[in-house]
Amino acid sequence: MKNSYPQIDTKTKKFLTDFKSIIDLLEVPMLLIGAQARMLIFDSQYQVQGRATKDWDVAVKLDNWERYNLLISTMTTGQNPLFKKTRVIHKFIHIETELEVDVIPFGDISKPKQEINWPDGNQMNILGLEEAFTNTEIIIIDNLEIRVADIDAFIALKLLAWNNRKENKDLKDIITVLLKSPNEEDEQRVYDEFIDEIIEGRFEVDEAAIIFIGRNIQNKFKIETFNKVKEIVKIILGQYTYISQCMPKILDDKEWDETFDKIVRRFKSLEYGLTQDF
């Protein structure tokens, strides 16, 4: 099944068109991840304004380093290269638009430890990318067919990324999604499945909607990945300073307390979805 999404700006379309032309030429499966995936599949659907970014993150499924090197060579060499290299081994700049893209390999290239050992000696954990790729659908954006991480995969991958590098931007992206209100269809599902928890006052409707994300992560991800995600949520709830560091600066004291409490309750809803047997 392929879902259509709103049109994108000219620079974004040019970048995606050029990158996808190379991907399609080499028959390399790709998955759009990161904050741009959030903006394409979430921000427009729920009319929210999350953290802005011009960086793109793309995961490419490859068997070996020869295939990765061929991809990079096709991107950055030839008579009219579309991309240029940067000092970061996996980051490239689209020459026409100056948009940046991180190209992260996964698949057999990362086995057996779900880890990338870059030629410069750096390591990168890519836990969860296989499951995210398997459980997402191709969407149509301005006539471009692209596989994009869904909200469940986005949350799981962002939690894993935050755990690896402890950058506030990852947690801010997660919070943007957790603070959404359910649409009418989701709200009805919440009432149908979690009416007891709502009646007992354990969760409000908006909070109970987040339980679905935790439950979906249980169902979609391998036990190793799922256990790691569950552990990370426990860490965040065990040290509230992680959340406080991501709070908006413009709130007065009352608004700050209310927003902070709301975010904590949303994380607890996510934890409930990750830990219950459904």
C-alpha atoms as a PDB file:
ATOM      1  CA  MET A   1       0.000   0.000   0.000  1.00  0.00           C
ATOM      2  CA  LYS A   2       1.277   3.467  -0.917  1.00  0.00           C
ATOM      3  CA  ASN A   3       0.020   6.630   0.769  1.00  0.00           C
ATOM      4  CA  SER A   4       0.243  10.077  -0.800  1.00  0.00           C
ATOM      5  CA  TYR A   5       1.594  13.076   1.135  1.00  0.00           C
ATOM      6  CA  PRO A   6       1.668  16.833   0.452  1.00  0.00           C
ATOM      7  CA  GLN A   7       3.978  18.484  -2.029  1.00  0.00           C
ATOM      8  CA  ILE A   8       7.462  19.497  -0.935  1.00  0.00           C
ATOM      9  CA  ASP A   9       9.505  22.601  -1.651  1.00  0.00           C
ATOM     10  CA  THR A  10      11.623  22.904  -4.783  1.00  0.00           C
ATOM     11  CA  LYS A  11      15.003  22.373  -3.075  1.00  0.00           C
ATOM     12  CA  THR A  12      13.802  19.287  -1.232  1.00  0.00           C
ATOM     13  CA  LYS A  13      12.315  17.770  -4.373  1.00  0.00           C
ATOM     14  CA  LYS A  14      15.522  18.390  -6.338  1.00  0.00           C
ATOM     15  CA  PHE A  15      17.635  16.796  -3.605  1.00  0.00           C
ATOM     16  CA  LEU A  16      15.367  13.747  -3.291  1.00  0.00           C
ATOM     17  CA  THR A  17      15.076  13.372  -7.071  1.00  0.00           C
ATOM     18  CA  ASP A  18      18.853  13.419  -7.537  1.00  0.00           C
ATOM     19  CA  PHE A  19      19.559  11.083  -4.641  1.00  0.00           C
ATOM     20  CA  LYS A  20      16.842   8.666  -5.673  1.00  0.00           C
ATOM     21  CA  SER A  21      18.110   8.613  -9.270  1.00  0.00           C
ATOM     22  CA  ILE A  22      21.413   7.223  -7.980  1.00  0.00           C
ATOM     23  CA  ILE A  23      19.733   4.803  -5.587  1.00  0.00           C
ATOM     24  CA  ASP A  24      17.467   3.485  -8.328  1.00  0.00           C
ATOM     25  CA  LEU A  25      20.334   3.204 -10.822  1.00  0.00           C
ATOM     26  CA  LEU A  26      22.303   0.992  -8.421  1.00  0.00           C
ATOM     27  CA  GLU A  27      19.168  -0.807  -7.155  1.00  0.00           C
ATOM     28  CA  VAL A  28      19.989   0.021  -3.539  1.00  0.00           C
ATOM     29  CA  PRO A  29      17.054  -0.213  -1.090  1.00  0.00           C
ATOM     30  CA  MET A  30      16.820   2.934   1.061  1.00  0.00           C
ATOM     31  CA  LEU A  31      14.931   4.160   4.108  1.00  0.00           C
ATOM     32  CA  LEU A  32      14.473   7.808   5.042  1.00  0.00           C
ATOM     33  CA  ILE A  33      15.006   8.263   8.790  1.00  0.00           C
ATOM     34  CA  GLY A  34      15.701  11.149  11.181  1.00  0.00           C
ATOM     35  CA  ALA A  35      13.985  14.495  11.675  1.00  0.00           C
ATOM     36  CA  GLN A  36      13.164  14.942   7.984  1.00  0.00           C
ATOM     37  CA  ALA A  37      11.201  11.687   8.084  1.00  0.00           C
ATOM     38  CA  ARG A  38       9.286  13.120  11.031  1.00  0.00           C
ATOM     39  CA  MET A  39       8.483  16.290   9.141  1.00  0.00           C
ATOM     40  CA  LEU A  40       7.304  14.461   6.034  1.00  0.00           C
ATOM     41  CA  ILE A  41       5.049  11.860   7.658  1.00  0.00           C
ATOM     42  CA  PHE A  42       4.118  13.452  10.976  1.00  0.00           C
ATOM     43  CA  ASP A  43       4.272  17.259  11.032  1.00  0.00           C
ATOM     44  CA  SER A  44       2.095  17.679   7.955  1.00  0.00           C
ATOM     45  CA  GLN A  45      -0.414  15.043   9.068  1.00  0.00           C
ATOM     46  CA  TYR A  46      -0.911  16.472  12.565  1.00  0.00           C
ATOM     47  CA  GLN A  47      -0.271  20.138  11.721  1.00  0.00           C
ATOM     48  CA  VAL A  48       2.507  20.491  14.293  1.00  0.00           C
ATOM     49  CA  GLN A  49       5.743  22.449  14.155  1.00  0.00           C
ATOM     50  CA  GLY A  50       8.705  20.376  15.268  1.00  0.00           C
ATOM     51  CA  ARG A  51      12.424  21.091  15.315  1.00  0.00           C
ATOM     52  CA  ALA A  52      13.526  22.474  11.963  1.00  0.00           C
ATOM     53  CA  THR A  53      16.468  20.856  10.197  1.00  0.00           C
ATOM     54  CA  LYS A  54      18.099  20.895   6.774  1.00  0.00           C
ATOM     55  CA  ASP A  55      20.003  17.663   7.369  1.00  0.00           C
ATOM     56  CA  TRP A  56      18.771  14.405   5.872  1.00  0.00           C
ATOM     57  CA  ASP A  57      19.416  10.904   7.186  1.00  0.00           C
ATOM     58  CA  VAL A  58      19.160   7.978   4.801  1.00  0.00           C
ATOM     59  CA  ALA A  59      19.775   4.309   5.584  1.00  0.00           C
ATOM     60  CA  VAL A  60      20.849   2.133   2.657  1.00  0.00           C
ATOM     61  CA  LYS A  61      20.617  -1.651   2.707  1.00  0.00           C
ATOM     62  CA  LEU A  62      23.885  -3.148   1.431  1.00  0.00           C
ATOM     63  CA  ASP A  63      25.757  -6.439   1.496  1.00  0.00           C
ATOM     64  CA  ASN A  64      29.336  -5.163   1.674  1.00  0.00           C
ATOM     65  CA  TRP A  65      31.680  -2.166   1.571  1.00  0.00           C
ATOM     66  CA  GLU A  66      32.280  -2.550  -2.155  1.00  0.00           C
ATOM     67  CA  ARG A  67      28.616  -1.693  -2.751  1.00  0.00           C
ATOM     68  CA  TYR A  68      28.791   1.254  -0.354  1.00  0.00           C
ATOM     69  CA  ASN A  69      31.930   2.602  -2.025  1.00  0.00           C
ATOM     70  CA  LEU A  70      30.267   2.255  -5.434  1.00  0.00           C
ATOM     71  CA  LEU A  71      27.303   4.266  -4.158  1.00  0.00           C
ATOM     72  CA  ILE A  72      29.548   7.021  -2.809  1.00  0.00           C
ATOM     73  CA  SER A  73      31.628   7.073  -5.994  1.00  0.00           C
ATOM     74  CA  THR A  74      28.491   7.440  -8.106  1.00  0.00           C
ATOM     75  CA  MET A  75      27.308  10.287  -5.873  1.00  0.00           C
ATOM     76  CA  THR A  76      30.558  12.269  -5.820  1.00  0.00           C
ATOM     77  CA  THR A  77      32.546  11.579  -9.014  1.00  0.00           C
ATOM     78  CA  GLY A  78      32.114  11.731 -12.770  1.00  0.00           C
ATOM     79  CA  GLN A  79      31.683  14.650 -15.179  1.00  0.00           C
ATOM     80  CA  ASN A  80      28.797  16.228 -13.284  1.00  0.00           C
ATOM     81  CA  PRO A  81      28.716  14.855  -9.733  1.00  0.00           C
ATOM     82  CA  LEU A  82      25.535  15.575  -7.796  1.00  0.00           C
ATOM     83  CA  PHE A  83      27.128  15.438  -4.326  1.00  0.00           C
ATOM     84  CA  LYS A  84      30.443  16.283  -2.694  1.00  0.00           C
ATOM     85  CA  LYS A  85      32.209  14.759   0.286  1.00  0.00           C
ATOM     86  CA  THR A  86      32.736  16.415   3.680  1.00  0.00           C
ATOM     87  CA  ARG A  87      35.181  15.828   6.521  1.00  0.00           C
ATOM     88  CA  VAL A  88      32.649  13.397   8.033  1.00  0.00           C
ATOM     89  CA  ILE A  89      33.005  10.086   6.245  1.00  0.00           C
ATOM     90  CA  HIS A  90      29.260   9.404   5.905  1.00  0.00           C
ATOM     91  CA  LYS A  91      28.057  12.999   5.348  1.00  0.00           C
ATOM     92  CA  PHE A  92      27.650  14.525   1.895  1.00  0.00           C
ATOM     93  CA  ILE A  93      26.408  17.826   0.441  1.00  0.00           C
ATOM     94  CA  HIS A  94      24.019  18.054  -2.480  1.00  0.00           C
ATOM     95  CA  ILE A  95      25.858  20.483  -4.752  1.00  0.00           C
ATOM     96  CA  GLU A  96      22.848  22.266  -6.261  1.00  0.00           C
ATOM     97  CA  THR A  97      20.864  22.836  -3.036  1.00  0.00           C
ATOM     98  CA  GLU A  98      23.648  22.569  -0.400  1.00  0.00           C
ATOM     99  CA  LEU A  99      21.438  20.229   1.621  1.00  0.00           C
ATOM    100  CA  GLU A 100      23.388  17.738   3.739  1.00  0.00           C
ATOM    101  CA  VAL A 101      22.721  14.011   3.857  1.00  0.00           C
ATOM    102  CA  ASP A 102      24.087  11.270   6.114  1.00  0.00           C
ATOM    103  CA  VAL A 103      24.217   7.953   4.265  1.00  0.00           C
ATOM    104  CA  ILE A 104      24.216   5.086   6.770  1.00  0.00           C
ATOM    105  CA  PRO A 105      24.606   1.481   5.569  1.00  0.00           C
ATOM    106  CA  PHE A 106      22.842  -1.465   7.200  1.00  0.00           C
ATOM    107  CA  GLY A 107      22.039  -5.073   6.305  1.00  0.00           C
ATOM    108  CA  ASP A 108      24.681  -7.770   5.804  1.00  0.00           C
ATOM    109  CA  ILE A 109      27.369  -5.059   5.876  1.00  0.00           C
ATOM    110  CA  SER A 110      26.667  -4.595   9.611  1.00  0.00           C
ATOM    111  CA  LYS A 111      26.509  -8.226  10.693  1.00  0.00           C
ATOM    112  CA  PRO A 112      26.901  -9.942  13.091  1.00  0.00           C
ATOM    113  CA  LYS A 113      26.874  -7.162  15.717  1.00  0.00           C
ATOM    114  CA  GLN A 114      24.515  -4.643  14.037  1.00  0.00           C
ATOM    115  CA  GLU A 115      27.476  -2.300  13.995  1.00  0.00           C
ATOM    116  CA  ILE A 116      29.285  -0.315  11.316  1.00  0.00           C
ATOM    117  CA  ASN A 117      33.076  -0.142  11.538  1.00  0.00           C
ATOM    118  CA  TRP A 118      34.021   2.844   9.397  1.00  0.00           C
ATOM    119  CA  PRO A 119      37.344   2.889   7.541  1.00  0.00           C
ATOM    120  CA  ASP A 120      38.485   5.792   9.746  1.00  0.00           C
ATOM    121  CA  GLY A 121      38.176   3.580  12.832  1.00  0.00           C
ATOM    122  CA  ASN A 122      34.906   4.964  14.185  1.00  0.00           C
ATOM    123  CA  GLN A 123      32.048   2.637  15.104  1.00  0.00           C
ATOM    124  CA  MET A 124      28.311   3.174  14.734  1.00  0.00           C
ATOM    125  CA  ASN A 125      25.538   1.095  16.273  1.00  0.00           C
ATOM    126  CA  ILE A 126      22.688   0.603  13.791  1.00  0.00           C
ATOM    127  CA  LEU A 127      20.383  -1.486  15.950  1.00  0.00           C
ATOM    128  CA  GLY A 128      16.786  -1.317  14.739  1.00  0.00           C
ATOM    129  CA  LEU A 129      17.335  -0.307  11.115  1.00  0.00           C
ATOM    130  CA  GLU A 130      16.563  -3.781   9.736  1.00  0.00           C
ATOM    131  CA  GLU A 131      13.218  -3.911  11.563  1.00  0.00           C
ATOM    132  CA  ALA A 132      12.404  -0.312  10.667  1.00  0.00           C
ATOM    133  CA  PHE A 133      12.971  -1.074   6.978  1.00  0.00           C
ATOM    134  CA  THR A 134      10.919  -4.273   7.068  1.00  0.00           C
ATOM    135  CA  ASN A 135       7.931  -2.674   8.809  1.00  0.00           C
ATOM    136  CA  THR A 136       7.568   0.548   6.825  1.00  0.00           C
ATOM    137  CA  GLU A 137       5.752   1.306   3.619  1.00  0.00           C
ATOM    138  CA  ILE A 138       6.637   3.234   0.493  1.00  0.00           C
ATOM    139  CA  ILE A 139       4.926   6.620   0.382  1.00  0.00           C
ATOM    140  CA  ILE A 140       4.409   9.018  -2.501  1.00  0.00           C
ATOM    141  CA  ILE A 141       5.686  12.550  -1.962  1.00  0.00           C
ATOM    142  CA  ASP A 142       5.199  14.926  -4.882  1.00  0.00           C
ATOM    143  CA  ASN A 143       5.242  11.955  -7.296  1.00  0.00           C
ATOM    144  CA  LEU A 144       8.393  10.486  -5.705  1.00  0.00           C
ATOM    145  CA  GLU A 145       8.126   7.002  -4.202  1.00  0.00           C
ATOM    146  CA  ILE A 146      10.179   6.854  -0.993  1.00  0.00           C
ATOM    147  CA  ARG A 147      10.345   4.428   1.905  1.00  0.00           C
ATOM    148  CA  VAL A 148      10.069   6.470   5.114  1.00  0.00           C
ATOM    149  CA  ALA A 149      10.289   5.297   8.724  1.00  0.00           C
ATOM    150  CA  ASP A 150       6.809   5.339  10.300  1.00  0.00           C
ATOM    151  CA  ILE A 151       6.100   6.919  13.675  1.00  0.00           C
ATOM    152  CA  ASP A 152       6.744   3.721  15.652  1.00  0.00           C
ATOM    153  CA  ALA A 153      10.088   3.135  13.932  1.00  0.00           C
ATOM    154  CA  PHE A 154      10.931   6.821  14.211  1.00  0.00           C
ATOM    155  CA  ILE A 155      10.463   6.785  18.002  1.00  0.00           C
ATOM    156  CA  ALA A 156      12.475   3.580  18.416  1.00  0.00           C
ATOM    157  CA  LEU A 157      15.340   4.785  16.209  1.00  0.00           C
ATOM    158  CA  LYS A 158      15.418   8.206  17.850  1.00  0.00           C
ATOM    159  CA  LEU A 159      15.596   6.635  21.313  1.00  0.00           C
ATOM    160  CA  LEU A 160      18.495   4.466  20.161  1.00  0.00           C
ATOM    161  CA  ALA A 161      20.219   7.486  18.584  1.00  0.00           C
ATOM    162  CA  TRP A 162      19.757   9.548  21.747  1.00  0.00           C
ATOM    163  CA  ASN A 163      21.228   6.733  23.821  1.00  0.00           C
ATOM    164  CA  ASN A 164      24.291   6.574  21.567  1.00  0.00           C
ATOM    165  CA  ARG A 165      25.087  10.292  21.499  1.00  0.00           C
ATOM    166  CA  LYS A 166      22.935  11.953  24.218  1.00  0.00           C
ATOM    167  CA  GLU A 167      22.044  14.910  21.986  1.00  0.00           C
ATOM    168  CA  ASN A 168      19.027  16.970  23.008  1.00  0.00           C
ATOM    169  CA  LYS A 169      17.848  17.239  19.394  1.00  0.00           C
ATOM    170  CA  ASP A 170      16.954  13.538  19.381  1.00  0.00           C
ATOM    171  CA  LEU A 171      14.912  13.811  22.565  1.00  0.00           C
ATOM    172  CA  LYS A 172      13.212  16.973  21.277  1.00  0.00           C
ATOM    173  CA  ASP A 173      12.118  15.091  18.150  1.00  0.00           C
ATOM    174  CA  ILE A 174      10.649  12.330  20.314  1.00  0.00           C
ATOM    175  CA  ILE A 175       8.823  14.833  22.518  1.00  0.00           C
ATOM    176  CA  THR A 176       7.294  16.510  19.461  1.00  0.00           C
ATOM    177  CA  VAL A 177       5.635  13.225  18.500  1.00  0.00           C
ATOM    178  CA  LEU A 178       4.613  12.241  22.030  1.00  0.00           C
ATOM    179  CA  LEU A 179       2.851  15.571  22.592  1.00  0.00           C
ATOM    180  CA  LYS A 180       0.524  15.119  19.631  1.00  0.00           C
ATOM    181  CA  SER A 181      -3.208  14.730  20.165  1.00  0.00           C
ATOM    182  CA  PRO A 182      -4.856  11.709  18.531  1.00  0.00           C
ATOM    183  CA  ASN A 183      -7.062  12.183  15.504  1.00  0.00           C
ATOM    184  CA  GLU A 184     -10.675  10.996  15.642  1.00  0.00           C
ATOM    185  CA  GLU A 185      -9.846   7.504  14.364  1.00  0.00           C
ATOM    186  CA  ASP A 186      -7.027   7.027  16.878  1.00  0.00           C
ATOM    187  CA  GLU A 187      -9.159   8.426  19.677  1.00  0.00           C
ATOM    188  CA  GLN A 188     -11.878   5.858  19.034  1.00  0.00           C
ATOM    189  CA  ARG A 189      -9.292   3.074  19.105  1.00  0.00           C
ATOM    190  CA  VAL A 190      -8.048   4.406  22.436  1.00  0.00           C
ATOM    191  CA  TYR A 191     -11.538   4.252  23.928  1.00  0.00           C
ATOM    192  CA  ASP A 192     -12.126   0.780  22.488  1.00  0.00           C
ATOM    193  CA  GLU A 193      -8.926  -0.736  23.860  1.00  0.00           C
ATOM    194  CA  PHE A 194      -8.019   1.250  26.974  1.00  0.00           C
ATOM    195  CA  ILE A 195     -11.366   2.307  28.378  1.00  0.00           C
ATOM    196  CA  ASP A 196     -10.628   0.635  31.738  1.00  0.00           C
ATOM    197  CA  GLU A 197      -7.362   2.562  32.189  1.00  0.00           C
ATOM    198  CA  ILE A 198      -9.125   5.810  31.261  1.00  0.00           C
ATOM    199  CA  ILE A 199     -12.069   5.211  33.599  1.00  0.00           C
ATOM    200  CA  GLU A 200      -9.694   4.327  36.438  1.00  0.00           C
ATOM    201  CA  GLY A 201      -7.868   7.620  35.846  1.00  0.00           C
ATOM    202  CA  ARG A 202      -4.538   5.981  35.045  1.00  0.00           C
ATOM    203  CA  PHE A 203      -4.329   7.700  31.662  1.00  0.00           C
ATOM    204  CA  GLU A 204      -6.069  10.513  29.850  1.00  0.00           C
ATOM    205  CA  VAL A 205      -7.149   9.873  26.261  1.00  0.00           C
ATOM    206  CA  ASP A 206      -4.154  11.713  24.748  1.00  0.00           C
ATOM    207  CA  GLU A 207      -1.773   9.761  26.966  1.00  0.00           C
ATOM    208  CA  ALA A 208      -3.413   6.414  26.267  1.00  0.00           C
ATOM    209  CA  ALA A 209      -2.928   7.031  22.532  1.00  0.00           C
ATOM    210  CA  ILE A 210       0.845   6.859  23.109  1.00  0.00           C
ATOM    211  CA  ILE A 211       0.445   3.316  24.457  1.00  0.00           C
ATOM    212  CA  PHE A 212      -0.093   2.184  20.862  1.00  0.00           C
ATOM    213  CA  ILE A 213       3.426   3.284  19.922  1.00  0.00           C
ATOM    214  CA  GLY A 214       4.951   1.187  22.699  1.00  0.00           C
ATOM    215  CA  ARG A 215       2.810  -1.792  21.779  1.00  0.00           C
ATOM    216  CA  ASN A 216       3.706  -1.460  18.096  1.00  0.00           C
ATOM    217  CA  ILE A 217       7.413  -1.348  18.936  1.00  0.00           C
ATOM    218  CA  GLN A 218       6.905  -4.592  20.867  1.00  0.00           C
ATOM    219  CA  ASN A 219       5.356  -6.186  17.801  1.00  0.00           C
ATOM    220  CA  LYS A 220       7.679  -4.813  15.118  1.00  0.00           C
ATOM    221  CA  PHE A 221      11.163  -5.023  16.619  1.00  0.00           C
ATOM    222  CA  LYS A 222      13.385  -7.933  17.539  1.00  0.00           C
ATOM    223  CA  ILE A 223      13.731  -8.751  21.227  1.00  0.00           C
ATOM    224  CA  GLU A 224      17.270  -7.306  21.423  1.00  0.00           C
ATOM    225  CA  THR A 225      16.147  -3.983  19.959  1.00  0.00           C
ATOM    226  CA  PHE A 226      12.919  -3.916  21.940  1.00  0.00           C
ATOM    227  CA  ASN A 227      14.702  -4.552  25.248  1.00  0.00           C
ATOM    228  CA  LYS A 228      17.175  -1.768  24.497  1.00  0.00           C
ATOM    229  CA  VAL A 229      14.375   0.697  23.706  1.00  0.00           C
ATOM    230  CA  LYS A 230      12.598  -0.269  26.922  1.00  0.00           C
ATOM    231  CA  GLU A 231      15.810   0.236  28.893  1.00  0.00           C
ATOM    232  CA  ILE A 232      16.338   3.699  27.368  1.00  0.00           C
ATOM    233  CA  VAL A 233      12.825   4.877  28.286  1.00  0.00           C
ATOM    234  CA  LYS A 234      13.460   3.694  31.843  1.00  0.00           C
ATOM    235  CA  ILE A 235      16.691   5.728  31.928  1.00  0.00           C
ATOM    236  CA  ILE A 236      14.869   8.871  30.762  1.00  0.00           C
ATOM    237  CA  LEU A 237      12.150   8.439  33.389  1.00  0.00           C
ATOM    238  CA  GLY A 238      14.786   7.747  36.022  1.00  0.00           C
ATOM    239  CA  GLN A 239      16.539  11.068  35.479  1.00  0.00           C
ATOM    240  CA  TYR A 240      14.156  13.914  34.677  1.00  0.00           C
ATOM    241  CA  THR A 241      16.998  16.302  33.869  1.00  0.00           C
ATOM    242  CA  TYR A 242      17.119  14.734  30.413  1.00  0.00           C
ATOM    243  CA  ILE A 243      13.599  16.054  29.811  1.00  0.00           C
ATOM    244  CA  SER A 244      14.140  19.409  31.528  1.00  0.00           C
ATOM    245  CA  GLN A 245      17.087  20.127  29.204  1.00  0.00           C
ATOM    246  CA  CYS A 246      14.696  19.887  26.248  1.00  0.00           C
ATOM    247  CA  MET A 247      12.027  22.230  27.577  1.00  0.00           C
ATOM    248  CA  PRO A 248      11.145  25.404  25.594  1.00  0.00           C
ATOM    249  CA  LYS A 249      12.873  28.523  26.945  1.00  0.00           C
ATOM    250  CA  ILE A 250       9.896  30.866  26.484  1.00  0.00           C
ATOM    251  CA  LEU A 251       7.537  29.330  29.058  1.00  0.00           C
ATOM    252  CA  ASP A 252       6.624  30.996  32.327  1.00  0.00           C
ATOM    253  CA  ASP A 253       6.855  28.962  35.537  1.00  0.00           C
ATOM    254  CA  LYS A 254       3.286  27.649  35.424  1.00  0.00           C
ATOM    255  CA  GLU A 255       3.471  26.718  31.729  1.00  0.00           C
ATOM    256  CA  TRP A 256       6.854  25.084  32.278  1.00  0.00           C
ATOM    257  CA  ASP A 257       5.529  22.890  35.100  1.00  0.00           C
ATOM    258  CA  GLU A 258       2.418  21.919  33.127  1.00  0.00           C
ATOM    259  CA  THR A 259       4.379  21.070  29.985  1.00  0.00           C
ATOM    260  CA  PHE A 260       7.034  19.161  31.908  1.00  0.00           C
ATOM    261  CA  ASP A 261       4.373  17.094  33.687  1.00  0.00           C
ATOM    262  CA  LYS A 262       2.628  16.388  30.385  1.00  0.00           C
ATOM    263  CA  ILE A 263       5.870  15.156  28.784  1.00  0.00           C
ATOM    264  CA  VAL A 264       6.669  12.902  31.748  1.00  0.00           C
ATOM    265  CA  ARG A 265       3.191  11.386  31.617  1.00  0.00           C
ATOM    266  CA  ARG A 266       3.574  10.743  27.881  1.00  0.00           C
ATOM    267  CA  PHE A 267       6.848   8.897  28.482  1.00  0.00           C
ATOM    268  CA  LYS A 268       5.115   6.849  31.170  1.00  0.00           C
ATOM    269  CA  SER A 269       2.398   6.000  28.660  1.00  0.00           C
ATOM    270  CA  LEU A 270       5.083   4.864  26.214  1.00  0.00           C
ATOM    271  CA  GLU A 271       6.684   2.764  28.944  1.00  0.00           C
ATOM    272  CA  TYR A 272       3.297   1.194  29.719  1.00  0.00           C
ATOM    273  CA  GLY A 273       2.941   0.199  26.080  1.00  0.00           C
ATOM    274  CA  LEU A 274       6.439  -1.276  26.066  1.00  0.00           C
ATOM    275  CA  THR A 275       6.047  -3.312  29.246  1.00  0.00           C
ATOM    276  CA  GLN A 276       2.496  -4.701  29.166  1.00  0.00           C
ATOM    277  CA  ASP A 277       1.438  -8.003  27.608  1.00  0.00           C
ATOM    278  CA  PHE A 278      -1.311  -7.295  25.102  1.00  0.00           C
END
